[in-house]
N, C-alpha and C. Protein backbone atom coordinates (compact mmCIF):
# COMPACT_ATOMS: atom_id res chain seq x y z
N UNK A 1 0.82 -6.16 15.33
CA UNK A 1 0.19 -4.89 15.00
C UNK A 1 -1.10 -5.23 14.28
N UNK A 2 -2.18 -4.62 14.70
CA UNK A 2 -3.48 -4.85 14.10
C UNK A 2 -3.68 -3.90 12.92
N UNK A 3 -4.23 -4.45 11.81
CA UNK A 3 -4.46 -3.65 10.60
C UNK A 3 -5.80 -4.04 9.98
N UNK A 4 -6.27 -3.23 9.06
CA UNK A 4 -7.46 -3.53 8.27
C UNK A 4 -7.07 -3.52 6.80
N UNK A 5 -7.71 -4.40 6.02
CA UNK A 5 -7.39 -4.46 4.60
C UNK A 5 -8.16 -3.43 3.79
N UNK A 6 -9.16 -2.84 4.38
CA UNK A 6 -9.94 -1.77 3.74
C UNK A 6 -10.29 -0.73 4.80
N UNK A 7 -10.22 0.54 4.42
CA UNK A 7 -10.52 1.60 5.39
C UNK A 7 -11.96 1.51 5.87
N UNK A 8 -12.86 1.01 5.03
CA UNK A 8 -14.26 0.88 5.42
C UNK A 8 -14.47 -0.14 6.53
N UNK A 9 -13.50 -1.02 6.74
CA UNK A 9 -13.61 -2.02 7.81
C UNK A 9 -13.12 -1.50 9.17
N UNK A 10 -12.56 -0.30 9.18
CA UNK A 10 -12.17 0.29 10.46
C UNK A 10 -13.41 0.79 11.18
N UNK A 11 -13.43 0.71 12.51
CA UNK A 11 -14.55 1.29 13.24
C UNK A 11 -14.58 2.80 13.02
N UNK A 12 -15.76 3.39 13.12
CA UNK A 12 -15.90 4.82 12.83
C UNK A 12 -14.99 5.68 13.69
N UNK A 13 -14.73 5.27 14.93
CA UNK A 13 -13.85 6.08 15.80
C UNK A 13 -12.39 6.01 15.36
N UNK A 14 -12.04 5.12 14.44
CA UNK A 14 -10.68 5.02 13.91
C UNK A 14 -10.55 5.65 12.52
N UNK A 15 -11.68 5.86 11.84
CA UNK A 15 -11.66 6.47 10.50
C UNK A 15 -11.75 7.98 10.59
N UNK A 16 -10.93 8.70 9.82
CA UNK A 16 -11.05 10.15 9.80
C UNK A 16 -12.35 10.58 9.10
N UNK A 17 -12.81 11.80 9.36
CA UNK A 17 -14.07 12.28 8.79
C UNK A 17 -14.14 12.16 7.26
N UNK A 18 -13.03 12.38 6.57
CA UNK A 18 -13.06 12.28 5.11
C UNK A 18 -13.29 10.86 4.61
N UNK A 19 -13.26 9.90 5.53
CA UNK A 19 -13.54 8.51 5.18
C UNK A 19 -14.77 7.99 5.93
N UNK A 20 -15.66 8.90 6.33
CA UNK A 20 -16.91 8.51 6.95
C UNK A 20 -16.85 8.20 8.43
N UNK A 21 -15.80 8.62 9.08
CA UNK A 21 -15.67 8.35 10.51
C UNK A 21 -15.63 9.62 11.32
N UNK A 22 -15.32 9.47 12.60
CA UNK A 22 -15.18 10.63 13.47
C UNK A 22 -13.89 10.57 14.28
N UNK A 23 -12.93 9.81 13.77
CA UNK A 23 -11.65 9.66 14.46
C UNK A 23 -10.71 10.82 14.21
N UNK A 24 -9.81 11.04 15.16
CA UNK A 24 -8.81 12.10 15.06
C UNK A 24 -7.46 11.60 14.56
N UNK A 25 -7.25 10.29 14.60
CA UNK A 25 -5.95 9.73 14.25
C UNK A 25 -5.80 9.58 12.74
N UNK A 26 -4.59 9.74 12.22
CA UNK A 26 -4.37 9.51 10.79
C UNK A 26 -4.46 8.02 10.46
N UNK A 27 -4.72 7.73 9.21
CA UNK A 27 -4.78 6.35 8.72
C UNK A 27 -3.67 6.18 7.69
N UNK A 28 -2.96 5.08 7.78
CA UNK A 28 -1.83 4.80 6.90
C UNK A 28 -2.10 3.54 6.11
N UNK A 29 -1.56 3.47 4.89
CA UNK A 29 -1.73 2.30 4.03
C UNK A 29 -0.37 1.77 3.59
N UNK A 30 -0.33 0.47 3.37
CA UNK A 30 0.89 -0.20 2.93
C UNK A 30 0.50 -1.38 2.07
N UNK A 31 1.16 -1.56 0.94
CA UNK A 31 0.97 -2.76 0.14
C UNK A 31 1.58 -3.93 0.90
N UNK A 32 0.85 -5.01 1.03
CA UNK A 32 1.36 -6.14 1.83
C UNK A 32 2.65 -6.71 1.27
N UNK A 33 2.94 -6.49 0.00
CA UNK A 33 4.19 -6.93 -0.58
C UNK A 33 5.40 -6.19 -0.03
N UNK A 34 5.16 -5.09 0.66
CA UNK A 34 6.23 -4.28 1.24
C UNK A 34 6.62 -4.72 2.65
N UNK A 35 6.00 -5.80 3.14
CA UNK A 35 6.29 -6.25 4.50
C UNK A 35 7.66 -6.89 4.64
N UNK A 36 8.26 -7.28 3.55
CA UNK A 36 9.59 -7.88 3.62
C UNK A 36 9.54 -9.35 3.98
N UNK A 37 10.71 -9.89 4.29
CA UNK A 37 10.83 -11.32 4.56
C UNK A 37 10.63 -11.68 6.03
N UNK A 38 10.57 -10.69 6.90
CA UNK A 38 10.46 -10.97 8.34
C UNK A 38 9.05 -10.84 8.89
N UNK A 39 8.14 -10.23 8.10
CA UNK A 39 6.78 -9.98 8.57
C UNK A 39 5.76 -10.66 7.69
N UNK A 40 4.59 -10.95 8.28
CA UNK A 40 3.53 -11.67 7.58
C UNK A 40 2.18 -11.05 7.93
N UNK A 41 1.28 -11.03 6.98
CA UNK A 41 -0.09 -10.56 7.20
C UNK A 41 -0.96 -11.77 7.51
N UNK A 42 -1.57 -11.78 8.71
CA UNK A 42 -2.33 -12.93 9.19
C UNK A 42 -3.73 -12.47 9.59
N UNK A 43 -4.79 -13.16 9.07
CA UNK A 43 -6.15 -12.76 9.45
C UNK A 43 -6.45 -13.09 10.91
N UNK A 44 -7.27 -12.24 11.52
CA UNK A 44 -7.78 -12.57 12.85
C UNK A 44 -8.71 -13.77 12.71
N UNK A 45 -9.06 -14.38 13.78
CA UNK A 45 -9.74 -15.67 13.76
C UNK A 45 -11.26 -15.60 13.60
N UNK A 46 -11.73 -14.91 12.55
CA UNK A 46 -13.15 -14.97 12.24
C UNK A 46 -13.29 -15.35 10.77
N UNK A 47 -14.46 -15.86 10.38
CA UNK A 47 -14.64 -16.42 9.04
C UNK A 47 -14.49 -15.40 7.92
N UNK A 48 -15.00 -14.18 8.12
CA UNK A 48 -14.96 -13.19 7.02
C UNK A 48 -13.86 -12.14 7.22
N UNK A 49 -13.03 -12.32 8.20
CA UNK A 49 -11.92 -11.41 8.51
C UNK A 49 -12.40 -9.98 8.77
N UNK A 50 -13.64 -9.83 9.18
CA UNK A 50 -14.18 -8.49 9.43
C UNK A 50 -13.54 -7.83 10.65
N UNK A 51 -12.94 -8.62 11.51
CA UNK A 51 -12.28 -8.05 12.69
C UNK A 51 -10.89 -7.55 12.37
N UNK A 52 -10.41 -7.82 11.15
CA UNK A 52 -9.12 -7.29 10.76
C UNK A 52 -8.04 -8.34 10.63
N UNK A 53 -6.82 -7.85 10.57
CA UNK A 53 -5.64 -8.67 10.33
C UNK A 53 -4.54 -8.23 11.29
N UNK A 54 -3.51 -9.05 11.39
CA UNK A 54 -2.32 -8.73 12.17
C UNK A 54 -1.10 -8.72 11.26
N UNK A 55 -0.17 -7.81 11.52
CA UNK A 55 1.17 -7.91 10.95
C UNK A 55 2.00 -8.57 12.04
N UNK A 56 2.42 -9.79 11.75
CA UNK A 56 3.14 -10.60 12.74
C UNK A 56 4.52 -10.97 12.22
N UNK A 57 5.42 -11.36 13.11
CA UNK A 57 6.72 -11.88 12.67
C UNK A 57 6.53 -13.22 11.95
N UNK A 58 7.36 -13.48 10.95
CA UNK A 58 7.31 -14.77 10.24
C UNK A 58 7.79 -15.91 11.14
N UNK A 59 8.72 -15.61 12.03
CA UNK A 59 9.25 -16.60 12.97
C UNK A 59 9.33 -15.94 14.34
N UNK A 60 9.56 -16.75 15.35
CA UNK A 60 9.70 -16.20 16.69
C UNK A 60 10.91 -15.26 16.72
N UNK A 61 10.70 -14.08 17.31
CA UNK A 61 11.79 -13.10 17.43
C UNK A 61 11.54 -12.23 18.65
N UNK A 62 12.55 -11.53 19.07
CA UNK A 62 12.42 -10.64 20.22
C UNK A 62 11.55 -9.44 19.84
N UNK A 63 11.05 -8.76 20.85
CA UNK A 63 10.27 -7.55 20.62
C UNK A 63 11.10 -6.52 19.88
N UNK A 64 12.36 -6.37 20.26
CA UNK A 64 13.22 -5.40 19.57
C UNK A 64 13.40 -5.74 18.10
N UNK A 65 13.57 -7.02 17.78
CA UNK A 65 13.71 -7.44 16.38
C UNK A 65 12.42 -7.17 15.61
N UNK A 66 11.28 -7.43 16.24
CA UNK A 66 9.97 -7.17 15.61
C UNK A 66 9.81 -5.67 15.35
N UNK A 67 10.13 -4.86 16.33
CA UNK A 67 10.04 -3.41 16.15
C UNK A 67 10.98 -2.93 15.04
N UNK A 68 12.16 -3.50 14.96
CA UNK A 68 13.10 -3.15 13.89
C UNK A 68 12.54 -3.56 12.53
N UNK A 69 11.92 -4.74 12.45
CA UNK A 69 11.34 -5.20 11.18
C UNK A 69 10.21 -4.26 10.75
N UNK A 70 9.38 -3.85 11.70
CA UNK A 70 8.32 -2.88 11.38
C UNK A 70 8.93 -1.55 10.93
N UNK A 71 9.96 -1.10 11.60
CA UNK A 71 10.61 0.16 11.25
C UNK A 71 11.18 0.11 9.83
N UNK A 72 11.62 -1.06 9.39
CA UNK A 72 12.16 -1.21 8.03
C UNK A 72 11.10 -0.91 6.97
N UNK A 73 9.81 -0.98 7.32
CA UNK A 73 8.73 -0.71 6.36
C UNK A 73 8.34 0.76 6.33
N UNK A 74 8.94 1.56 7.18
CA UNK A 74 8.53 2.95 7.39
C UNK A 74 8.34 3.74 6.09
N UNK A 75 9.29 3.65 5.18
CA UNK A 75 9.24 4.45 3.95
C UNK A 75 8.12 4.02 3.01
N UNK A 76 7.59 2.82 3.17
CA UNK A 76 6.56 2.30 2.26
C UNK A 76 5.15 2.72 2.67
N UNK A 77 4.97 3.18 3.91
CA UNK A 77 3.63 3.57 4.36
C UNK A 77 3.24 4.92 3.77
N UNK A 78 1.96 5.03 3.37
CA UNK A 78 1.42 6.28 2.86
C UNK A 78 0.22 6.70 3.70
N UNK A 79 0.17 7.97 4.03
CA UNK A 79 -0.99 8.49 4.76
C UNK A 79 -2.14 8.65 3.79
N UNK A 80 -3.31 8.14 4.19
CA UNK A 80 -4.50 8.27 3.33
C UNK A 80 -5.58 9.08 3.99
């Protein structure tokens, strides 16, 4: 799952108008400490991480297990 560490790093088409964008989709935030033991925050492969980050599995797992691990974080996400 692709994420940004700051809302200002999202492209304008992904940011809602109240955050300087023109996107229609909601934006959600999560403290990275809430990812649990099965998920990890990993930077994309650029020097300044301006392209964003990924929430990835800590170890190899099935798609269903990954989706379940993401679902376990559901209550920690806040709409911003």
